[in-house]
């Protein structure tokens, strides 16, 4: 076997490894992670309540609203839920908060986590991944016309961080 043939599998392996490292370091593309087009709307899907209430036709949602995509198996999501709850309490009547349990394999664990973290805002389930997120956690900001004003893959670590996003993209001051 020639040296060129011996190096090819190693070259392919090194190339694949470089691709994986680049994707993991680079994260999402700017189209997915940053601001979205102002005309974009939420998908026309019906989400069941995670807690047993009425279903939600997502395309009918109007803001100003903060949507948190999360799952019980997502460590950053687990840590940020109390920040969303505190924001919801502090901004009641100004900005609504909605949680969507994304591609959850254990809905009972999600309900338990919501109880443990004191989440009181409405929670819905997207077990089939209709929102097409490529990772978690994710925040989506919806304007009063029902358009997606901003979406980002980010862990919310403080109420102030969430307030800045809302002020910047929804023009609602806390």
C-alpha atoms as a PDB file:
ATOM      1  CA  UNK A   1       0.000   0.000   0.000  1.00  0.00           C
ATOM      2  CA  UNK A   2       1.355   3.427  -0.912  1.00  0.00           C
ATOM      3  CA  UNK A   3       1.928   6.183   1.650  1.00  0.00           C
ATOM      4  CA  UNK A   4      -0.859   8.271   0.069  1.00  0.00           C
ATOM      5  CA  UNK A   5      -3.367   5.466   0.703  1.00  0.00           C
ATOM      6  CA  UNK A   6      -2.129   5.047   4.275  1.00  0.00           C
ATOM      7  CA  UNK A   7      -2.589   8.774   5.022  1.00  0.00           C
ATOM      8  CA  UNK A   8      -6.063   9.139   3.518  1.00  0.00           C
ATOM      9  CA  UNK A   9      -8.045   7.630   6.458  1.00  0.00           C
ATOM     10  CA  UNK A  10      -6.040   9.743   8.891  1.00  0.00           C
ATOM     11  CA  UNK A  11      -6.563  12.863   6.764  1.00  0.00           C
ATOM     12  CA  UNK A  12     -10.311  12.232   6.631  1.00  0.00           C
ATOM     13  CA  UNK A  13     -10.401  11.669  10.388  1.00  0.00           C
ATOM     14  CA  UNK A  14      -8.450  14.877  11.066  1.00  0.00           C
ATOM     15  CA  UNK A  15     -10.781  16.777   8.706  1.00  0.00           C
ATOM     16  CA  UNK A  16     -13.885  15.451  10.475  1.00  0.00           C
ATOM     17  CA  UNK A  17     -12.404  16.293  13.859  1.00  0.00           C
ATOM     18  CA  UNK A  18     -11.666  19.840  12.694  1.00  0.00           C
ATOM     19  CA  UNK A  19     -15.266  20.192  11.480  1.00  0.00           C
ATOM     20  CA  UNK A  20     -16.674  19.002  14.821  1.00  0.00           C
ATOM     21  CA  UNK A  21     -14.414  21.378  16.769  1.00  0.00           C
ATOM     22  CA  UNK A  22     -15.332  24.287  14.478  1.00  0.00           C
ATOM     23  CA  UNK A  23     -19.061  23.639  14.876  1.00  0.00           C
ATOM     24  CA  UNK A  24     -18.848  23.260  18.641  1.00  0.00           C
ATOM     25  CA  UNK A  25     -16.736  26.397  19.102  1.00  0.00           C
ATOM     26  CA  UNK A  26     -18.578  28.488  16.526  1.00  0.00           C
ATOM     27  CA  UNK A  27     -22.038  27.543  17.712  1.00  0.00           C
ATOM     28  CA  UNK A  28     -24.961  28.722  15.653  1.00  0.00           C
ATOM     29  CA  UNK A  29     -24.732  30.764  12.501  1.00  0.00           C
ATOM     30  CA  UNK A  30     -25.743  34.408  12.755  1.00  0.00           C
ATOM     31  CA  UNK A  31     -29.073  33.645  11.099  1.00  0.00           C
ATOM     32  CA  UNK A  32     -29.923  31.145  13.812  1.00  0.00           C
ATOM     33  CA  UNK A  33     -28.391  32.778  16.855  1.00  0.00           C
ATOM     34  CA  UNK A  34     -28.896  36.457  16.256  1.00  0.00           C
ATOM     35  CA  UNK A  35     -31.741  38.724  15.378  1.00  0.00           C
ATOM     36  CA  UNK A  36     -34.333  37.352  12.990  1.00  0.00           C
ATOM     37  CA  UNK A  37     -36.216  39.021  10.194  1.00  0.00           C
ATOM     38  CA  UNK A  38     -38.973  41.250  11.584  1.00  0.00           C
ATOM     39  CA  UNK A  39     -41.601  39.568   9.384  1.00  0.00           C
ATOM     40  CA  UNK A  40     -40.977  36.081  10.753  1.00  0.00           C
ATOM     41  CA  UNK A  41     -43.830  34.585  12.750  1.00  0.00           C
ATOM     42  CA  UNK A  42     -44.031  31.636  15.045  1.00  0.00           C
ATOM     43  CA  UNK A  43     -44.947  28.346  13.344  1.00  0.00           C
ATOM     44  CA  UNK A  44     -48.564  27.329  12.967  1.00  0.00           C
ATOM     45  CA  UNK A  45     -48.507  24.483  15.491  1.00  0.00           C
ATOM     46  CA  UNK A  46     -50.712  23.528  18.411  1.00  0.00           C
ATOM     47  CA  UNK A  47     -48.898  22.825  21.668  1.00  0.00           C
ATOM     48  CA  UNK A  48     -50.452  20.887  24.532  1.00  0.00           C
ATOM     49  CA  UNK A  49     -50.268  22.350  27.997  1.00  0.00           C
ATOM     50  CA  UNK A  50     -47.534  20.744  30.070  1.00  0.00           C
ATOM     51  CA  UNK A  51     -49.608  21.244  33.201  1.00  0.00           C
ATOM     52  CA  UNK A  52     -53.010  20.073  31.960  1.00  0.00           C
ATOM     53  CA  UNK A  53     -54.591  23.353  30.825  1.00  0.00           C
ATOM     54  CA  UNK A  54     -55.786  24.396  27.371  1.00  0.00           C
ATOM     55  CA  UNK A  55     -53.683  23.866  24.260  1.00  0.00           C
ATOM     56  CA  UNK A  56     -52.027  26.823  22.554  1.00  0.00           C
ATOM     57  CA  UNK A  57     -52.087  27.706  18.872  1.00  0.00           C
ATOM     58  CA  UNK A  58     -48.581  29.174  18.771  1.00  0.00           C
ATOM     59  CA  UNK A  59     -49.148  31.332  15.686  1.00  0.00           C
ATOM     60  CA  UNK A  60     -51.803  33.320  17.602  1.00  0.00           C
ATOM     61  CA  UNK A  61     -49.343  34.481  20.284  1.00  0.00           C
ATOM     62  CA  UNK A  62     -48.932  38.252  20.555  1.00  0.00           C
ATOM     63  CA  UNK A  63     -46.409  40.090  22.659  1.00  0.00           C
ATOM     64  CA  UNK A  64     -44.650  41.631  24.129  1.00  0.00           C
ATOM     65  CA  UNK A  65     -43.726  38.121  25.139  1.00  0.00           C
ATOM     66  CA  UNK A  66     -40.676  36.174  26.185  1.00  0.00           C
ATOM     67  CA  UNK A  67     -40.666  32.498  25.196  1.00  0.00           C
ATOM     68  CA  UNK A  68     -38.206  30.163  26.887  1.00  0.00           C
ATOM     69  CA  UNK A  69     -37.393  26.868  25.157  1.00  0.00           C
ATOM     70  CA  UNK A  70     -36.111  24.407  27.738  1.00  0.00           C
ATOM     71  CA  UNK A  71     -36.067  20.747  28.785  1.00  0.00           C
ATOM     72  CA  UNK A  72     -35.489  18.941  32.058  1.00  0.00           C
ATOM     73  CA  UNK A  73     -32.408  17.184  30.636  1.00  0.00           C
ATOM     74  CA  UNK A  74     -30.715  20.534  29.777  1.00  0.00           C
ATOM     75  CA  UNK A  75     -28.440  21.665  32.639  1.00  0.00           C
ATOM     76  CA  UNK A  76     -28.335  25.386  31.673  1.00  0.00           C
ATOM     77  CA  UNK A  77     -32.134  25.308  31.277  1.00  0.00           C
ATOM     78  CA  UNK A  78     -32.521  23.963  34.798  1.00  0.00           C
ATOM     79  CA  UNK A  79     -30.423  26.825  36.166  1.00  0.00           C
ATOM     80  CA  UNK A  80     -32.211  29.588  34.263  1.00  0.00           C
ATOM     81  CA  UNK A  81     -35.845  28.738  35.056  1.00  0.00           C
ATOM     82  CA  UNK A  82     -35.858  30.786  38.304  1.00  0.00           C
ATOM     83  CA  UNK A  83     -34.592  33.827  36.339  1.00  0.00           C
ATOM     84  CA  UNK A  84     -37.560  33.594  33.974  1.00  0.00           C
ATOM     85  CA  UNK A  85     -39.962  33.240  36.903  1.00  0.00           C
ATOM     86  CA  UNK A  86     -38.503  36.289  38.656  1.00  0.00           C
ATOM     87  CA  UNK A  87     -38.739  38.263  35.400  1.00  0.00           C
ATOM     88  CA  UNK A  88     -42.374  37.157  34.960  1.00  0.00           C
ATOM     89  CA  UNK A  89     -43.234  38.333  38.469  1.00  0.00           C
ATOM     90  CA  UNK A  90     -41.424  41.666  38.118  1.00  0.00           C
ATOM     91  CA  UNK A  91     -42.917  42.412  34.700  1.00  0.00           C
ATOM     92  CA  UNK A  92     -46.467  41.110  35.141  1.00  0.00           C
ATOM     93  CA  UNK A  93     -48.832  43.183  33.036  1.00  0.00           C
ATOM     94  CA  UNK A  94     -46.019  44.529  30.825  1.00  0.00           C
ATOM     95  CA  UNK A  95     -44.374  41.445  29.308  1.00  0.00           C
ATOM     96  CA  UNK A  96     -45.763  37.903  29.324  1.00  0.00           C
ATOM     97  CA  UNK A  97     -43.566  34.837  29.741  1.00  0.00           C
ATOM     98  CA  UNK A  98     -44.268  31.445  28.209  1.00  0.00           C
ATOM     99  CA  UNK A  99     -42.230  28.257  28.580  1.00  0.00           C
ATOM    100  CA  UNK A 100     -42.014  25.536  25.963  1.00  0.00           C
ATOM    101  CA  UNK A 101     -40.642  22.183  27.044  1.00  0.00           C
ATOM    102  CA  UNK A 102     -38.747  21.188  23.883  1.00  0.00           C
ATOM    103  CA  UNK A 103     -38.343  17.560  22.757  1.00  0.00           C
ATOM    104  CA  UNK A 104     -38.855  16.310  26.278  1.00  0.00           C
ATOM    105  CA  UNK A 105     -38.580  12.569  26.743  1.00  0.00           C
ATOM    106  CA  UNK A 106     -39.828  12.697  30.347  1.00  0.00           C
ATOM    107  CA  UNK A 107     -42.725  15.139  30.759  1.00  0.00           C
ATOM    108  CA  UNK A 108     -43.183  14.145  34.409  1.00  0.00           C
ATOM    109  CA  UNK A 109     -39.577  15.221  35.087  1.00  0.00           C
ATOM    110  CA  UNK A 110     -40.273  18.548  33.364  1.00  0.00           C
ATOM    111  CA  UNK A 111     -43.372  19.142  35.501  1.00  0.00           C
ATOM    112  CA  UNK A 112     -41.390  18.249  38.631  1.00  0.00           C
ATOM    113  CA  UNK A 113     -38.588  20.637  37.676  1.00  0.00           C
ATOM    114  CA  UNK A 114     -41.105  23.434  37.098  1.00  0.00           C
ATOM    115  CA  UNK A 115     -42.553  22.832  40.580  1.00  0.00           C
ATOM    116  CA  UNK A 116     -39.096  22.702  42.200  1.00  0.00           C
ATOM    117  CA  UNK A 117     -38.013  25.969  40.573  1.00  0.00           C
ATOM    118  CA  UNK A 118     -41.280  27.767  41.346  1.00  0.00           C
ATOM    119  CA  UNK A 119     -42.302  28.322  37.720  1.00  0.00           C
ATOM    120  CA  UNK A 120     -45.839  29.731  37.563  1.00  0.00           C
ATOM    121  CA  UNK A 121     -45.970  31.086  34.013  1.00  0.00           C
ATOM    122  CA  UNK A 122     -47.765  29.002  31.342  1.00  0.00           C
ATOM    123  CA  UNK A 123     -45.894  25.911  30.178  1.00  0.00           C
ATOM    124  CA  UNK A 124     -46.483  24.009  26.961  1.00  0.00           C
ATOM    125  CA  UNK A 125     -44.880  20.966  25.349  1.00  0.00           C
ATOM    126  CA  UNK A 126     -43.232  20.554  21.951  1.00  0.00           C
ATOM    127  CA  UNK A 127     -42.305  16.856  22.110  1.00  0.00           C
ATOM    128  CA  UNK A 128     -41.906  16.560  18.335  1.00  0.00           C
ATOM    129  CA  UNK A 129     -39.580  19.559  17.959  1.00  0.00           C
ATOM    130  CA  UNK A 130     -41.926  21.585  15.749  1.00  0.00           C
ATOM    131  CA  UNK A 131     -40.039  24.747  16.737  1.00  0.00           C
ATOM    132  CA  UNK A 132     -36.921  23.326  15.073  1.00  0.00           C
ATOM    133  CA  UNK A 133     -34.428  24.536  17.655  1.00  0.00           C
ATOM    134  CA  UNK A 134     -30.888  23.283  17.156  1.00  0.00           C
ATOM    135  CA  UNK A 135     -29.977  23.537  20.810  1.00  0.00           C
ATOM    136  CA  UNK A 136     -31.088  24.647  24.237  1.00  0.00           C
ATOM    137  CA  UNK A 137     -31.646  26.899  26.013  1.00  0.00           C
ATOM    138  CA  UNK A 138     -33.237  29.336  23.613  1.00  0.00           C
ATOM    139  CA  UNK A 139     -35.086  32.609  24.136  1.00  0.00           C
ATOM    140  CA  UNK A 140     -37.603  33.978  21.620  1.00  0.00           C
ATOM    141  CA  UNK A 141     -38.996  37.514  21.884  1.00  0.00           C
ATOM    142  CA  UNK A 142     -42.357  38.186  20.229  1.00  0.00           C
ATOM    143  CA  UNK A 143     -43.625  41.686  19.449  1.00  0.00           C
ATOM    144  CA  UNK A 144     -47.243  42.925  19.769  1.00  0.00           C
ATOM    145  CA  UNK A 145     -47.957  42.002  16.126  1.00  0.00           C
ATOM    146  CA  UNK A 146     -46.916  38.392  16.726  1.00  0.00           C
ATOM    147  CA  UNK A 147     -43.602  38.662  14.893  1.00  0.00           C
ATOM    148  CA  UNK A 148     -40.387  37.182  16.199  1.00  0.00           C
ATOM    149  CA  UNK A 149     -38.340  40.240  17.132  1.00  0.00           C
ATOM    150  CA  UNK A 150     -35.317  38.277  18.338  1.00  0.00           C
ATOM    151  CA  UNK A 151     -34.251  34.732  19.064  1.00  0.00           C
ATOM    152  CA  UNK A 152     -31.045  33.542  20.591  1.00  0.00           C
ATOM    153  CA  UNK A 153     -29.427  30.406  21.991  1.00  0.00           C
ATOM    154  CA  UNK A 154     -28.307  31.695  25.368  1.00  0.00           C
ATOM    155  CA  UNK A 155     -28.444  30.807  29.037  1.00  0.00           C
ATOM    156  CA  UNK A 156     -30.189  33.544  30.992  1.00  0.00           C
ATOM    157  CA  UNK A 157     -28.118  34.033  34.143  1.00  0.00           C
ATOM    158  CA  UNK A 158     -29.901  37.072  35.595  1.00  0.00           C
ATOM    159  CA  UNK A 159     -33.148  38.979  35.419  1.00  0.00           C
ATOM    160  CA  UNK A 160     -31.129  42.029  34.303  1.00  0.00           C
ATOM    161  CA  UNK A 161     -29.844  40.112  31.271  1.00  0.00           C
ATOM    162  CA  UNK A 162     -33.396  39.244  30.256  1.00  0.00           C
ATOM    163  CA  UNK A 163     -34.560  42.822  30.878  1.00  0.00           C
ATOM    164  CA  UNK A 164     -31.803  44.139  28.571  1.00  0.00           C
ATOM    165  CA  UNK A 165     -32.894  41.755  25.793  1.00  0.00           C
ATOM    166  CA  UNK A 166     -36.523  42.824  26.183  1.00  0.00           C
ATOM    167  CA  UNK A 167     -35.649  46.509  26.230  1.00  0.00           C
ATOM    168  CA  UNK A 168     -33.368  46.213  23.199  1.00  0.00           C
ATOM    169  CA  UNK A 169     -35.589  44.048  21.005  1.00  0.00           C
ATOM    170  CA  UNK A 170     -39.141  44.710  22.234  1.00  0.00           C
ATOM    171  CA  UNK A 171     -38.585  48.313  23.354  1.00  0.00           C
ATOM    172  CA  UNK A 172     -40.197  47.617  26.754  1.00  0.00           C
ATOM    173  CA  UNK A 173     -38.381  49.069  29.729  1.00  0.00           C
ATOM    174  CA  UNK A 174     -38.542  47.325  33.087  1.00  0.00           C
END
